[in-house]
Amino acid sequence: MNVAYHSSNSFAPVLGTSIASLFENNKGMNEIHVYVIEEKISKENKDKLNILEEKYNRNIHFIPMPDINKTQNLGLKKVRKDWIFNSYCRLFLDQILPKDLHRVLYLDSDVLITGDLTELWNTDITGHCAAGVIDCLGEKYYKLLGLNSKAKYCNSGVILQNLDLWRISNIGNRIRNYVHKNGGYVFFMEQSVYNAVFQEEILILSPKYNTYTLMQYLSYQEIMKLRNPKRFYKEKEIKEAVKDHKIVHLTNIFLITNRAWFEYTNHPEKKEFIYYKNMTPWKDEPGFSDTRTTKKKLIQFCVELLPRPFVIASVGMVYNSFRILNIKRLMKKYRKTRSVD
């Protein structure tokens, strides 16, 4: 099995925890090659990752992070000040990884592998560029992206990639064309590009292969109220995934204070994260410090005080109405800038 991650040095303990969970729960695999596309990971942290490699008799390969925005001539504009473009590397693995790899399982560093992935790895993706799990998105967002009526918007944190087909289809040009068409501004960044470029070419997987926090922390009825999705899983599928997931994605939602690797957090997967972290050389290191601003802490305090149905309804209104208007405004701005250029 070939697995790819990307990570910065500061995120190495989270990456190491994910890799430990992968190795621990897939001991029956004959071979596992992990490719870490790294942004200046220190020798100390690489040595710690190599301890995991030796402990489980697996292979970890380090590949320097290329400047995707520059080398691929994307002309990206920042969606948020604290977001960088390294995450786009998952869309160019056909070029970054060794040419003799035919398929790869891309994983975000903030996932835990909680079961055997043999069935996922052996999934028949003939004729599909990728396979993934549907993200929970309202219909208005589909229209903003220009997705057709049959497309499903998938989360880009877990992607089983058919590298041979990516190379034949010259996906890089399709990605560049889409980004340039939008003047370099793409909300939700590489995830939106991934979905807009592939449309119906993504094979839909069971949500057990990317059970993100929204599925765990909200009831199905609350999810429907919050996001109003029309192209999503049935309630039974979500319940089964939450009960018996193979990959759990430690994402964030407004009802949670910090993510699982922080010292101060109420994330539902904190205990699971610590369980796997204790299998790594980072086991004695403290969790990440709480870096929230006073404003964010105050907002979180208010969210916890208010009735949950009211908060979900209010956030749903912002998500499905006001946020849409802001995105439209920015899209118009950058497309106009592109036409002037």
C-alpha atoms as a PDB file:
ATOM      1  CA  MET A   1       0.000   0.000   0.000  1.00  0.00           C
ATOM      2  CA  ASN A   2       1.225   3.474  -0.893  1.00  0.00           C
ATOM      3  CA  VAL A   3       0.179   6.331   1.390  1.00  0.00           C
ATOM      4  CA  ALA A   4       0.955  10.045   1.018  1.00  0.00           C
ATOM      5  CA  TYR A   5       0.814  12.810   3.627  1.00  0.00           C
ATOM      6  CA  HIS A   6       2.000  16.395   3.714  1.00  0.00           C
ATOM      7  CA  SER A   7       3.173  18.165   6.855  1.00  0.00           C
ATOM      8  CA  SER A   8       5.087  21.089   8.313  1.00  0.00           C
ATOM      9  CA  ASN A   9       7.573  20.704  11.156  1.00  0.00           C
ATOM     10  CA  SER A  10       5.170  22.054  13.788  1.00  0.00           C
ATOM     11  CA  PHE A  11       2.567  19.466  12.764  1.00  0.00           C
ATOM     12  CA  ALA A  12       4.997  16.518  12.950  1.00  0.00           C
ATOM     13  CA  PRO A  13       3.568  15.136  16.261  1.00  0.00           C
ATOM     14  CA  VAL A  14       0.097  14.985  14.688  1.00  0.00           C
ATOM     15  CA  LEU A  15       1.498  13.396  11.537  1.00  0.00           C
ATOM     16  CA  GLY A  16       3.429  10.859  13.633  1.00  0.00           C
ATOM     17  CA  THR A  17       0.282   9.939  15.545  1.00  0.00           C
ATOM     18  CA  SER A  18      -1.592   9.350  12.295  1.00  0.00           C
ATOM     19  CA  ILE A  19       1.218   7.189  10.908  1.00  0.00           C
ATOM     20  CA  ALA A  20       1.362   5.170  14.144  1.00  0.00           C
ATOM     21  CA  SER A  21      -2.381   4.483  13.873  1.00  0.00           C
ATOM     22  CA  LEU A  22      -1.914   3.434  10.234  1.00  0.00           C
ATOM     23  CA  PHE A  23       0.888   1.005  11.048  1.00  0.00           C
ATOM     24  CA  GLU A  24      -0.743  -0.342  14.213  1.00  0.00           C
ATOM     25  CA  ASN A  25      -4.037  -1.241  12.523  1.00  0.00           C
ATOM     26  CA  ASN A  26      -2.603  -2.591   9.274  1.00  0.00           C
ATOM     27  CA  LYS A  27      -0.035  -5.116  10.436  1.00  0.00           C
ATOM     28  CA  GLY A  28      -1.410  -7.647   7.952  1.00  0.00           C
ATOM     29  CA  MET A  29      -0.309  -5.574   4.956  1.00  0.00           C
ATOM     30  CA  ASN A  30       2.757  -7.046   3.249  1.00  0.00           C
ATOM     31  CA  GLU A  31       4.209  -3.612   2.528  1.00  0.00           C
ATOM     32  CA  ILE A  32       3.352  -0.039   3.437  1.00  0.00           C
ATOM     33  CA  HIS A  33       5.248   2.820   1.852  1.00  0.00           C
ATOM     34  CA  VAL A  34       4.540   6.241   3.353  1.00  0.00           C
ATOM     35  CA  TYR A  35       5.536   9.315   1.360  1.00  0.00           C
ATOM     36  CA  VAL A  36       5.761  12.468   3.465  1.00  0.00           C
ATOM     37  CA  ILE A  37       5.801  15.663   1.425  1.00  0.00           C
ATOM     38  CA  GLU A  38       7.465  17.808   4.025  1.00  0.00           C
ATOM     39  CA  GLU A  39       7.843  21.511   4.666  1.00  0.00           C
ATOM     40  CA  LYS A  40      11.156  21.850   6.539  1.00  0.00           C
ATOM     41  CA  ILE A  41      10.595  19.010   9.002  1.00  0.00           C
ATOM     42  CA  SER A  42      13.584  19.028  11.374  1.00  0.00           C
ATOM     43  CA  LYS A  43      16.111  16.203  11.578  1.00  0.00           C
ATOM     44  CA  GLU A  44      14.914  15.542  15.138  1.00  0.00           C
ATOM     45  CA  ASN A  45      11.347  15.006  14.007  1.00  0.00           C
ATOM     46  CA  LYS A  46      12.421  12.958  10.988  1.00  0.00           C
ATOM     47  CA  ASP A  47      14.438  10.739  13.337  1.00  0.00           C
ATOM     48  CA  LYS A  48      11.322  10.237  15.448  1.00  0.00           C
ATOM     49  CA  LEU A  49       9.308   9.276  12.381  1.00  0.00           C
ATOM     50  CA  ASN A  50      12.082   6.846  11.445  1.00  0.00           C
ATOM     51  CA  ILE A  51      11.695   5.213  14.864  1.00  0.00           C
ATOM     52  CA  LEU A  52       8.119   4.364  13.842  1.00  0.00           C
ATOM     53  CA  GLU A  53       9.433   3.066  10.529  1.00  0.00           C
ATOM     54  CA  GLU A  54      11.811   0.684  12.302  1.00  0.00           C
ATOM     55  CA  LYS A  55       9.338  -0.291  15.017  1.00  0.00           C
ATOM     56  CA  TYR A  56       6.775  -1.539  12.464  1.00  0.00           C
ATOM     57  CA  ASN A  57       9.247  -2.571   9.735  1.00  0.00           C
ATOM     58  CA  ARG A  58       7.691  -0.180   7.230  1.00  0.00           C
ATOM     59  CA  ASN A  59       9.080   2.450   4.859  1.00  0.00           C
ATOM     60  CA  ILE A  60       8.839   6.236   5.216  1.00  0.00           C
ATOM     61  CA  HIS A  61      10.135   8.395   2.371  1.00  0.00           C
ATOM     62  CA  PHE A  62      10.606  12.165   2.668  1.00  0.00           C
ATOM     63  CA  ILE A  63       9.992  14.445  -0.315  1.00  0.00           C
ATOM     64  CA  PRO A  64      10.665  18.199  -0.045  1.00  0.00           C
ATOM     65  CA  MET A  65       7.544  20.335  -0.434  1.00  0.00           C
ATOM     66  CA  PRO A  66       7.616  22.157  -3.787  1.00  0.00           C
ATOM     67  CA  ASP A  67       6.272  25.690  -4.132  1.00  0.00           C
ATOM     68  CA  ILE A  68       3.071  24.502  -5.801  1.00  0.00           C
ATOM     69  CA  ASN A  69       1.730  27.964  -6.532  1.00  0.00           C
ATOM     70  CA  LYS A  70       4.939  28.907  -8.331  1.00  0.00           C
ATOM     71  CA  THR A  71       5.960  25.663 -10.018  1.00  0.00           C
ATOM     72  CA  GLN A  72       2.450  24.980 -11.311  1.00  0.00           C
ATOM     73  CA  ASN A  73       1.779  28.609 -12.291  1.00  0.00           C
ATOM     74  CA  LEU A  74      -1.525  28.704 -10.417  1.00  0.00           C
ATOM     75  CA  GLY A  75      -1.691  32.364  -9.397  1.00  0.00           C
ATOM     76  CA  LEU A  76      -3.582  31.546  -6.213  1.00  0.00           C
ATOM     77  CA  LYS A  77      -5.055  34.226  -3.947  1.00  0.00           C
ATOM     78  CA  LYS A  78      -5.244  33.661  -0.195  1.00  0.00           C
ATOM     79  CA  VAL A  79      -8.713  32.845   1.094  1.00  0.00           C
ATOM     80  CA  ARG A  80      -7.591  33.523   4.680  1.00  0.00           C
ATOM     81  CA  LYS A  81      -4.397  35.118   5.986  1.00  0.00           C
ATOM     82  CA  ASP A  82      -3.355  32.010   7.937  1.00  0.00           C
ATOM     83  CA  TRP A  83      -3.924  29.568   5.064  1.00  0.00           C
ATOM     84  CA  ILE A  84      -1.020  28.539   2.843  1.00  0.00           C
ATOM     85  CA  PHE A  85      -0.968  26.709  -0.470  1.00  0.00           C
ATOM     86  CA  ASN A  86       0.936  23.559   0.549  1.00  0.00           C
ATOM     87  CA  SER A  87      -2.358  21.679   0.738  1.00  0.00           C
ATOM     88  CA  TYR A  88      -2.576  21.866  -3.061  1.00  0.00           C
ATOM     89  CA  CYS A  89       0.227  19.291  -3.289  1.00  0.00           C
ATOM     90  CA  ARG A  90      -2.380  16.496  -3.052  1.00  0.00           C
ATOM     91  CA  LEU A  91      -3.620  17.548  -6.502  1.00  0.00           C
ATOM     92  CA  PHE A  92      -0.175  17.064  -8.056  1.00  0.00           C
ATOM     93  CA  LEU A  93       0.885  13.720  -6.573  1.00  0.00           C
ATOM     94  CA  ASP A  94       1.035  12.259 -10.073  1.00  0.00           C
ATOM     95  CA  GLN A  95       4.012  14.582 -10.622  1.00  0.00           C
ATOM     96  CA  ILE A  96       5.515  14.665  -7.117  1.00  0.00           C
ATOM     97  CA  LEU A  97       5.578  10.943  -6.328  1.00  0.00           C
ATOM     98  CA  PRO A  98       7.754   8.317  -8.078  1.00  0.00           C
ATOM     99  CA  LYS A  99       6.553   7.569 -11.595  1.00  0.00           C
ATOM    100  CA  ASP A 100       6.311   3.833 -10.943  1.00  0.00           C
ATOM    101  CA  LEU A 101       3.452   4.292  -8.457  1.00  0.00           C
ATOM    102  CA  HIS A 102       0.087   3.463 -10.003  1.00  0.00           C
ATOM    103  CA  ARG A 103      -2.177   4.401  -7.102  1.00  0.00           C
ATOM    104  CA  VAL A 104      -1.829   6.133  -3.759  1.00  0.00           C
ATOM    105  CA  LEU A 105      -4.000   6.776  -0.729  1.00  0.00           C
ATOM    106  CA  TYR A 106      -3.665  10.439   0.191  1.00  0.00           C
ATOM    107  CA  LEU A 107      -4.376  11.202   3.866  1.00  0.00           C
ATOM    108  CA  ASP A 108      -4.502  14.474   5.753  1.00  0.00           C
ATOM    109  CA  SER A 109      -2.232  14.433   8.796  1.00  0.00           C
ATOM    110  CA  ASP A 110      -5.232  14.989  11.081  1.00  0.00           C
ATOM    111  CA  VAL A 111      -6.778  11.565  10.473  1.00  0.00           C
ATOM    112  CA  LEU A 112      -6.567   8.464  12.627  1.00  0.00           C
ATOM    113  CA  ILE A 113      -6.689   5.065  10.983  1.00  0.00           C
ATOM    114  CA  THR A 114      -8.850   2.955  13.264  1.00  0.00           C
ATOM    115  CA  GLY A 115      -9.174  -0.223  11.224  1.00  0.00           C
ATOM    116  CA  ASP A 116      -7.782  -2.410   8.459  1.00  0.00           C
ATOM    117  CA  LEU A 117      -7.600  -0.614   5.099  1.00  0.00           C
ATOM    118  CA  THR A 118      -7.153  -3.673   2.872  1.00  0.00           C
ATOM    119  CA  GLU A 119     -10.671  -3.390   1.427  1.00  0.00           C
ATOM    120  CA  LEU A 120     -10.231   0.313   0.734  1.00  0.00           C
ATOM    121  CA  TRP A 121      -6.821  -0.182  -0.876  1.00  0.00           C
ATOM    122  CA  ASN A 122      -8.191  -2.941  -3.121  1.00  0.00           C
ATOM    123  CA  THR A 123     -11.184  -0.879  -4.261  1.00  0.00           C
ATOM    124  CA  ASP A 124     -11.631  -1.098  -8.031  1.00  0.00           C
ATOM    125  CA  ILE A 125     -11.178   2.466  -9.309  1.00  0.00           C
ATOM    126  CA  THR A 126     -10.860   1.563 -12.980  1.00  0.00           C
ATOM    127  CA  GLY A 127     -12.216   4.476 -14.982  1.00  0.00           C
ATOM    128  CA  HIS A 128     -12.207   6.800 -11.949  1.00  0.00           C
ATOM    129  CA  CYS A 129      -9.502   9.356 -11.236  1.00  0.00           C
ATOM    130  CA  ALA A 130     -10.239   9.204  -7.530  1.00  0.00           C
ATOM    131  CA  ALA A 131     -12.419   7.775  -4.784  1.00  0.00           C
ATOM    132  CA  GLY A 132     -13.590   9.734  -1.757  1.00  0.00           C
ATOM    133  CA  VAL A 133     -16.254  10.440   0.866  1.00  0.00           C
ATOM    134  CA  ILE A 134     -19.021  13.002   0.340  1.00  0.00           C
ATOM    135  CA  ASP A 135     -18.657  16.215   2.308  1.00  0.00           C
ATOM    136  CA  CYS A 136     -21.727  17.841   3.815  1.00  0.00           C
ATOM    137  CA  LEU A 137     -22.451  20.821   1.596  1.00  0.00           C
ATOM    138  CA  GLY A 138     -25.601  22.778   0.799  1.00  0.00           C
ATOM    139  CA  GLU A 139     -26.926  23.047  -2.747  1.00  0.00           C
ATOM    140  CA  LYS A 140     -26.031  26.747  -3.063  1.00  0.00           C
ATOM    141  CA  TYR A 141     -22.350  25.836  -2.820  1.00  0.00           C
ATOM    142  CA  TYR A 142     -22.718  23.340  -5.647  1.00  0.00           C
ATOM    143  CA  LYS A 143     -24.042  26.146  -7.831  1.00  0.00           C
ATOM    144  CA  LEU A 144     -21.168  28.456  -6.856  1.00  0.00           C
ATOM    145  CA  LEU A 145     -18.649  25.812  -7.906  1.00  0.00           C
ATOM    146  CA  GLY A 146     -20.469  25.051 -11.122  1.00  0.00           C
ATOM    147  CA  LEU A 147     -20.924  21.362 -10.284  1.00  0.00           C
ATOM    148  CA  ASN A 148     -23.363  19.479 -12.478  1.00  0.00           C
ATOM    149  CA  SER A 149     -26.559  17.851 -11.196  1.00  0.00           C
ATOM    150  CA  LYS A 150     -24.985  14.392 -10.767  1.00  0.00           C
ATOM    151  CA  ALA A 151     -21.736  15.438  -9.069  1.00  0.00           C
ATOM    152  CA  LYS A 152     -21.042  14.825  -5.367  1.00  0.00           C
ATOM    153  CA  TYR A 153     -18.803  17.237  -3.445  1.00  0.00           C
ATOM    154  CA  CYS A 154     -16.195  15.119  -1.629  1.00  0.00           C
ATOM    155  CA  ASN A 155     -13.897  15.833   1.298  1.00  0.00           C
ATOM    156  CA  SER A 156     -10.263  16.018   0.174  1.00  0.00           C
ATOM    157  CA  GLY A 157      -8.796  14.706   3.453  1.00  0.00           C
ATOM    158  CA  VAL A 158      -8.922  11.118   2.187  1.00  0.00           C
ATOM    159  CA  ILE A 159      -8.437  10.466  -1.536  1.00  0.00           C
ATOM    160  CA  LEU A 160      -7.689   7.140  -3.184  1.00  0.00           C
ATOM    161  CA  GLN A 161      -5.974   8.274  -6.381  1.00  0.00           C
ATOM    162  CA  ASN A 162      -5.630   6.495  -9.695  1.00  0.00           C
ATOM    163  CA  LEU A 163      -2.254   8.026 -10.596  1.00  0.00           C
ATOM    164  CA  ASP A 164      -2.103   6.379 -14.029  1.00  0.00           C
ATOM    165  CA  LEU A 165      -5.374   8.017 -15.049  1.00  0.00           C
ATOM    166  CA  TRP A 166      -4.313  11.370 -13.532  1.00  0.00           C
ATOM    167  CA  ARG A 167      -1.211  11.314 -15.728  1.00  0.00           C
ATOM    168  CA  ILE A 168      -3.063  10.265 -18.886  1.00  0.00           C
ATOM    169  CA  SER A 169      -5.753  12.897 -18.310  1.00  0.00           C
ATOM    170  CA  ASN A 170      -3.177  15.670 -17.729  1.00  0.00           C
ATOM    171  CA  ILE A 171      -4.982  16.793 -14.603  1.00  0.00           C
ATOM    172  CA  GLY A 172      -2.477  19.591 -13.963  1.00  0.00           C
ATOM    173  CA  ASN A 173      -3.728  21.576 -16.953  1.00  0.00           C
ATOM    174  CA  ARG A 174      -7.344  21.130 -15.897  1.00  0.00           C
ATOM    175  CA  ILE A 175      -6.502  22.402 -12.422  1.00  0.00           C
ATOM    176  CA  ARG A 176      -4.636  25.439 -13.775  1.00  0.00           C
ATOM    177  CA  ASN A 177      -7.457  26.309 -16.144  1.00  0.00           C
ATOM    178  CA  TYR A 178     -10.029  26.207 -13.355  1.00  0.00           C
ATOM    179  CA  VAL A 179      -7.943  28.326 -10.954  1.00  0.00           C
ATOM    180  CA  HIS A 180      -7.116  30.880 -13.661  1.00  0.00           C
ATOM    181  CA  LYS A 181     -10.766  31.086 -14.693  1.00  0.00           C
ATOM    182  CA  ASN A 182     -11.570  32.091 -11.114  1.00  0.00           C
ATOM    183  CA  GLY A 183      -8.814  34.680 -10.925  1.00  0.00           C
ATOM    184  CA  GLY A 184      -6.868  32.613  -8.391  1.00  0.00           C
ATOM    185  CA  TYR A 185      -9.619  32.761  -5.774  1.00  0.00           C
ATOM    186  CA  VAL A 186     -11.109  29.409  -4.788  1.00  0.00           C
ATOM    187  CA  PHE A 187     -13.093  29.132  -1.554  1.00  0.00           C
ATOM    188  CA  PHE A 188     -12.390  25.927   0.424  1.00  0.00           C
ATOM    189  CA  MET A 189      -9.129  25.957  -1.568  1.00  0.00           C
ATOM    190  CA  GLU A 190      -7.857  22.689  -3.078  1.00  0.00           C
ATOM    191  CA  GLN A 191     -10.964  20.790  -1.990  1.00  0.00           C
ATOM    192  CA  SER A 192     -13.148  22.922  -4.243  1.00  0.00           C
ATOM    193  CA  VAL A 193     -10.674  22.636  -7.128  1.00  0.00           C
ATOM    194  CA  TYR A 194     -10.602  18.854  -6.686  1.00  0.00           C
ATOM    195  CA  ASN A 195     -14.382  18.628  -6.923  1.00  0.00           C
ATOM    196  CA  ALA A 196     -14.864  21.156  -9.716  1.00  0.00           C
ATOM    197  CA  VAL A 197     -12.203  19.547 -11.911  1.00  0.00           C
ATOM    198  CA  PHE A 198     -13.322  15.950 -11.419  1.00  0.00           C
ATOM    199  CA  GLN A 199     -17.123  16.358 -11.188  1.00  0.00           C
ATOM    200  CA  GLU A 200     -18.538  12.827 -11.730  1.00  0.00           C
ATOM    201  CA  GLU A 201     -15.109  11.152 -11.963  1.00  0.00           C
ATOM    202  CA  ILE A 202     -14.943  10.516  -8.186  1.00  0.00           C
ATOM    203  CA  LEU A 203     -16.045   7.082  -6.998  1.00  0.00           C
ATOM    204  CA  ILE A 204     -18.080   7.521  -3.810  1.00  0.00           C
ATOM    205  CA  LEU A 205     -16.876   5.551  -0.776  1.00  0.00           C
ATOM    206  CA  SER A 206     -18.599   4.619   2.459  1.00  0.00           C
ATOM    207  CA  PRO A 207     -18.388   7.387   5.101  1.00  0.00           C
ATOM    208  CA  LYS A 208     -16.542   4.914   7.342  1.00  0.00           C
ATOM    209  CA  TYR A 209     -13.403   5.813   5.362  1.00  0.00           C
ATOM    210  CA  ASN A 210     -13.547   9.488   6.333  1.00  0.00           C
ATOM    211  CA  THR A 211     -15.771   9.932   9.374  1.00  0.00           C
ATOM    212  CA  TYR A 212     -15.319  13.619  10.080  1.00  0.00           C
ATOM    213  CA  THR A 213     -16.298  15.349  13.313  1.00  0.00           C
ATOM    214  CA  LEU A 214     -19.579  16.781  12.022  1.00  0.00           C
ATOM    215  CA  MET A 215     -20.899  13.212  11.694  1.00  0.00           C
ATOM    216  CA  GLN A 216     -19.835  12.356  15.242  1.00  0.00           C
ATOM    217  CA  TYR A 217     -20.820  15.460  17.161  1.00  0.00           C
ATOM    218  CA  LEU A 218     -24.217  16.251  15.610  1.00  0.00           C
ATOM    219  CA  SER A 219     -27.285  14.096  15.169  1.00  0.00           C
ATOM    220  CA  TYR A 220     -28.402  13.445  11.598  1.00  0.00           C
ATOM    221  CA  GLN A 221     -31.316  15.833  12.089  1.00  0.00           C
ATOM    222  CA  GLU A 222     -28.943  18.550  13.333  1.00  0.00           C
ATOM    223  CA  ILE A 223     -26.705  18.032  10.292  1.00  0.00           C
ATOM    224  CA  MET A 224     -29.694  18.480   7.983  1.00  0.00           C
ATOM    225  CA  LYS A 225     -30.714  21.628   9.842  1.00  0.00           C
ATOM    226  CA  LEU A 226     -27.222  23.085   9.808  1.00  0.00           C
ATOM    227  CA  ARG A 227     -26.111  22.380   6.236  1.00  0.00           C
ATOM    228  CA  ASN A 228     -29.325  21.510   4.370  1.00  0.00           C
ATOM    229  CA  PRO A 229     -27.494  19.052   2.082  1.00  0.00           C
ATOM    230  CA  LYS A 230     -29.350  17.435  -0.823  1.00  0.00           C
ATOM    231  CA  ARG A 231     -26.533  15.137  -1.974  1.00  0.00           C
ATOM    232  CA  PHE A 232     -25.507  13.283   1.145  1.00  0.00           C
ATOM    233  CA  TYR A 233     -25.595   9.869   2.812  1.00  0.00           C
ATOM    234  CA  LYS A 234     -28.655   8.297   4.391  1.00  0.00           C
ATOM    235  CA  GLU A 235     -28.989   8.410   8.165  1.00  0.00           C
ATOM    236  CA  LYS A 236     -28.272   4.679   8.469  1.00  0.00           C
ATOM    237  CA  GLU A 237     -24.959   5.031   6.601  1.00  0.00           C
ATOM    238  CA  ILE A 238     -23.789   7.828   8.885  1.00  0.00           C
ATOM    239  CA  LYS A 239     -24.756   5.945  12.053  1.00  0.00           C
ATOM    240  CA  GLU A 240     -22.892   2.837  10.854  1.00  0.00           C
ATOM    241  CA  ALA A 241     -19.793   4.901  10.037  1.00  0.00           C
ATOM    242  CA  VAL A 242     -19.775   6.612  13.435  1.00  0.00           C
ATOM    243  CA  LYS A 243     -20.116   3.227  15.144  1.00  0.00           C
ATOM    244  CA  ASP A 244     -17.502   1.378  13.079  1.00  0.00           C
ATOM    245  CA  HIS A 245     -15.223   3.772  11.199  1.00  0.00           C
ATOM    246  CA  LYS A 246     -11.927   2.820   9.562  1.00  0.00           C
ATOM    247  CA  ILE A 247     -10.623   6.386   9.214  1.00  0.00           C
ATOM    248  CA  VAL A 248     -11.716   9.165  11.536  1.00  0.00           C
ATOM    249  CA  HIS A 249     -11.011  12.762  10.508  1.00  0.00           C
ATOM    250  CA  LEU A 250     -10.305  15.098  13.436  1.00  0.00           C
ATOM    251  CA  THR A 251     -11.894  18.188  11.946  1.00  0.00           C
ATOM    252  CA  ASN A 252     -13.380  21.100  13.848  1.00  0.00           C
ATOM    253  CA  ILE A 253     -16.881  22.516  14.191  1.00  0.00           C
ATOM    254  CA  PHE A 254     -18.186  25.575  16.012  1.00  0.00           C
ATOM    255  CA  LEU A 255     -19.392  23.569  19.032  1.00  0.00           C
ATOM    256  CA  ILE A 256     -15.903  22.251  19.800  1.00  0.00           C
ATOM    257  CA  THR A 257     -13.081  24.048  21.602  1.00  0.00           C
ATOM    258  CA  ASN A 258      -9.828  23.236  19.778  1.00  0.00           C
ATOM    259  CA  ARG A 259      -8.929  20.025  18.007  1.00  0.00           C
ATOM    260  CA  ALA A 260      -7.842  16.734  19.528  1.00  0.00           C
ATOM    261  CA  TRP A 261      -4.090  17.423  19.776  1.00  0.00           C
ATOM    262  CA  PHE A 262      -4.492  20.556  21.900  1.00  0.00           C
ATOM    263  CA  GLU A 263      -3.914  20.464  25.645  1.00  0.00           C
ATOM    264  CA  TYR A 264      -7.251  22.181  26.237  1.00  0.00           C
ATOM    265  CA  THR A 265      -9.980  20.573  24.123  1.00  0.00           C
ATOM    266  CA  ASN A 266     -13.365  18.881  24.299  1.00  0.00           C
ATOM    267  CA  HIS A 267     -12.957  17.125  20.935  1.00  0.00           C
ATOM    268  CA  PRO A 268     -14.802  13.751  20.859  1.00  0.00           C
ATOM    269  CA  GLU A 269     -11.660  11.956  19.628  1.00  0.00           C
ATOM    270  CA  LYS A 270      -9.219  13.322  22.213  1.00  0.00           C
ATOM    271  CA  LYS A 271      -8.843   9.991  24.048  1.00  0.00           C
ATOM    272  CA  GLU A 272      -8.378   8.128  20.762  1.00  0.00           C
ATOM    273  CA  PHE A 273      -5.734  10.620  19.669  1.00  0.00           C
ATOM    274  CA  ILE A 274      -3.820  10.285  22.951  1.00  0.00           C
ATOM    275  CA  TYR A 275      -4.052   6.487  22.681  1.00  0.00           C
ATOM    276  CA  TYR A 276      -2.143   6.506  19.383  1.00  0.00           C
ATOM    277  CA  LYS A 277       0.128   9.387  20.366  1.00  0.00           C
ATOM    278  CA  ASN A 278       1.344   7.202  23.245  1.00  0.00           C
ATOM    279  CA  MET A 279       2.681   4.795  20.606  1.00  0.00           C
ATOM    280  CA  THR A 280       4.973   7.492  19.220  1.00  0.00           C
ATOM    281  CA  PRO A 281       8.238   9.169  20.324  1.00  0.00           C
ATOM    282  CA  TRP A 282       6.148  12.286  21.071  1.00  0.00           C
ATOM    283  CA  LYS A 283       4.189  10.519  23.830  1.00  0.00           C
ATOM    284  CA  ASP A 284       5.699  12.596  26.652  1.00  0.00           C
ATOM    285  CA  GLU A 285       5.314  15.949  24.916  1.00  0.00           C
ATOM    286  CA  PRO A 286       2.418  18.177  26.009  1.00  0.00           C
ATOM    287  CA  GLY A 287      -0.476  18.960  23.726  1.00  0.00           C
ATOM    288  CA  PHE A 288      -0.516  22.106  21.625  1.00  0.00           C
ATOM    289  CA  SER A 289      -1.092  25.360  23.501  1.00  0.00           C
ATOM    290  CA  ASP A 290      -4.433  27.135  23.284  1.00  0.00           C
ATOM    291  CA  THR A 291      -3.786  30.003  20.856  1.00  0.00           C
ATOM    292  CA  ARG A 292      -7.322  31.336  20.610  1.00  0.00           C
ATOM    293  CA  THR A 293      -7.732  35.082  20.810  1.00  0.00           C
ATOM    294  CA  THR A 294      -9.840  36.659  23.544  1.00  0.00           C
ATOM    295  CA  LYS A 295     -12.518  37.327  20.934  1.00  0.00           C
ATOM    296  CA  LYS A 296     -12.671  33.672  19.902  1.00  0.00           C
ATOM    297  CA  LYS A 297     -12.809  32.536  23.517  1.00  0.00           C
ATOM    298  CA  LEU A 298     -15.696  34.916  24.169  1.00  0.00           C
ATOM    299  CA  ILE A 299     -17.586  33.655  21.122  1.00  0.00           C
ATOM    300  CA  GLN A 300     -17.040  30.058  22.218  1.00  0.00           C
ATOM    301  CA  PHE A 301     -18.258  30.898  25.722  1.00  0.00           C
ATOM    302  CA  CYS A 302     -21.465  32.384  24.296  1.00  0.00           C
ATOM    303  CA  VAL A 303     -21.982  29.383  22.006  1.00  0.00           C
ATOM    304  CA  GLU A 304     -21.787  27.038  24.994  1.00  0.00           C
ATOM    305  CA  LEU A 305     -24.292  29.121  26.975  1.00  0.00           C
ATOM    306  CA  LEU A 306     -26.948  29.445  24.273  1.00  0.00           C
ATOM    307  CA  PRO A 307     -29.508  26.680  23.556  1.00  0.00           C
ATOM    308  CA  ARG A 308     -28.042  24.191  21.070  1.00  0.00           C
ATOM    309  CA  PRO A 309     -31.018  24.296  18.607  1.00  0.00           C
ATOM    310  CA  PHE A 310     -30.768  28.097  18.477  1.00  0.00           C
ATOM    311  CA  VAL A 311     -27.013  27.993  17.824  1.00  0.00           C
ATOM    312  CA  ILE A 312     -27.369  25.394  15.053  1.00  0.00           C
ATOM    313  CA  ALA A 313     -30.173  27.356  13.370  1.00  0.00           C
ATOM    314  CA  SER A 314     -28.209  30.610  13.603  1.00  0.00           C
ATOM    315  CA  VAL A 315     -24.956  29.147  12.268  1.00  0.00           C
ATOM    316  CA  GLY A 316     -26.915  27.406   9.526  1.00  0.00           C
ATOM    317  CA  MET A 317     -28.328  30.745   8.417  1.00  0.00           C
ATOM    318  CA  VAL A 318     -24.854  32.291   8.311  1.00  0.00           C
ATOM    319  CA  TYR A 319     -23.424  29.284   6.459  1.00  0.00           C
ATOM    320  CA  ASN A 320     -26.159  29.017   3.848  1.00  0.00           C
ATOM    321  CA  SER A 321     -26.932  32.712   3.303  1.00  0.00           C
ATOM    322  CA  PHE A 322     -24.491  35.389   4.499  1.00  0.00           C
ATOM    323  CA  ARG A 323     -21.386  33.350   3.732  1.00  0.00           C
ATOM    324  CA  ILE A 324     -22.662  32.634   0.236  1.00  0.00           C
ATOM    325  CA  LEU A 325     -23.128  36.344  -0.411  1.00  0.00           C
ATOM    326  CA  ASN A 326     -19.571  37.074   0.751  1.00  0.00           C
ATOM    327  CA  ILE A 327     -18.105  34.337  -1.440  1.00  0.00           C
ATOM    328  CA  LYS A 328     -20.029  35.637  -4.460  1.00  0.00           C
ATOM    329  CA  ARG A 329     -18.690  39.123  -3.805  1.00  0.00           C
ATOM    330  CA  LEU A 330     -15.087  37.873  -3.648  1.00  0.00           C
ATOM    331  CA  MET A 331     -15.479  35.659  -6.716  1.00  0.00           C
ATOM    332  CA  LYS A 332     -16.800  38.609  -8.684  1.00  0.00           C
ATOM    333  CA  LYS A 333     -13.924  40.782  -7.466  1.00  0.00           C
ATOM    334  CA  TYR A 334     -11.169  38.364  -8.498  1.00  0.00           C
ATOM    335  CA  ARG A 335     -12.764  37.429 -11.814  1.00  0.00           C
ATOM    336  CA  LYS A 336     -13.051  41.141 -12.627  1.00  0.00           C
ATOM    337  CA  THR A 337      -9.381  41.616 -11.675  1.00  0.00           C
ATOM    338  CA  ARG A 338      -8.442  38.748 -13.999  1.00  0.00           C
ATOM    339  CA  SER A 339     -10.379  40.247 -16.913  1.00  0.00           C
ATOM    340  CA  VAL A 340      -8.627  43.584 -16.400  1.00  0.00           C
ATOM    341  CA  ASP A 341      -5.220  41.888 -16.349  1.00  0.00           C
END
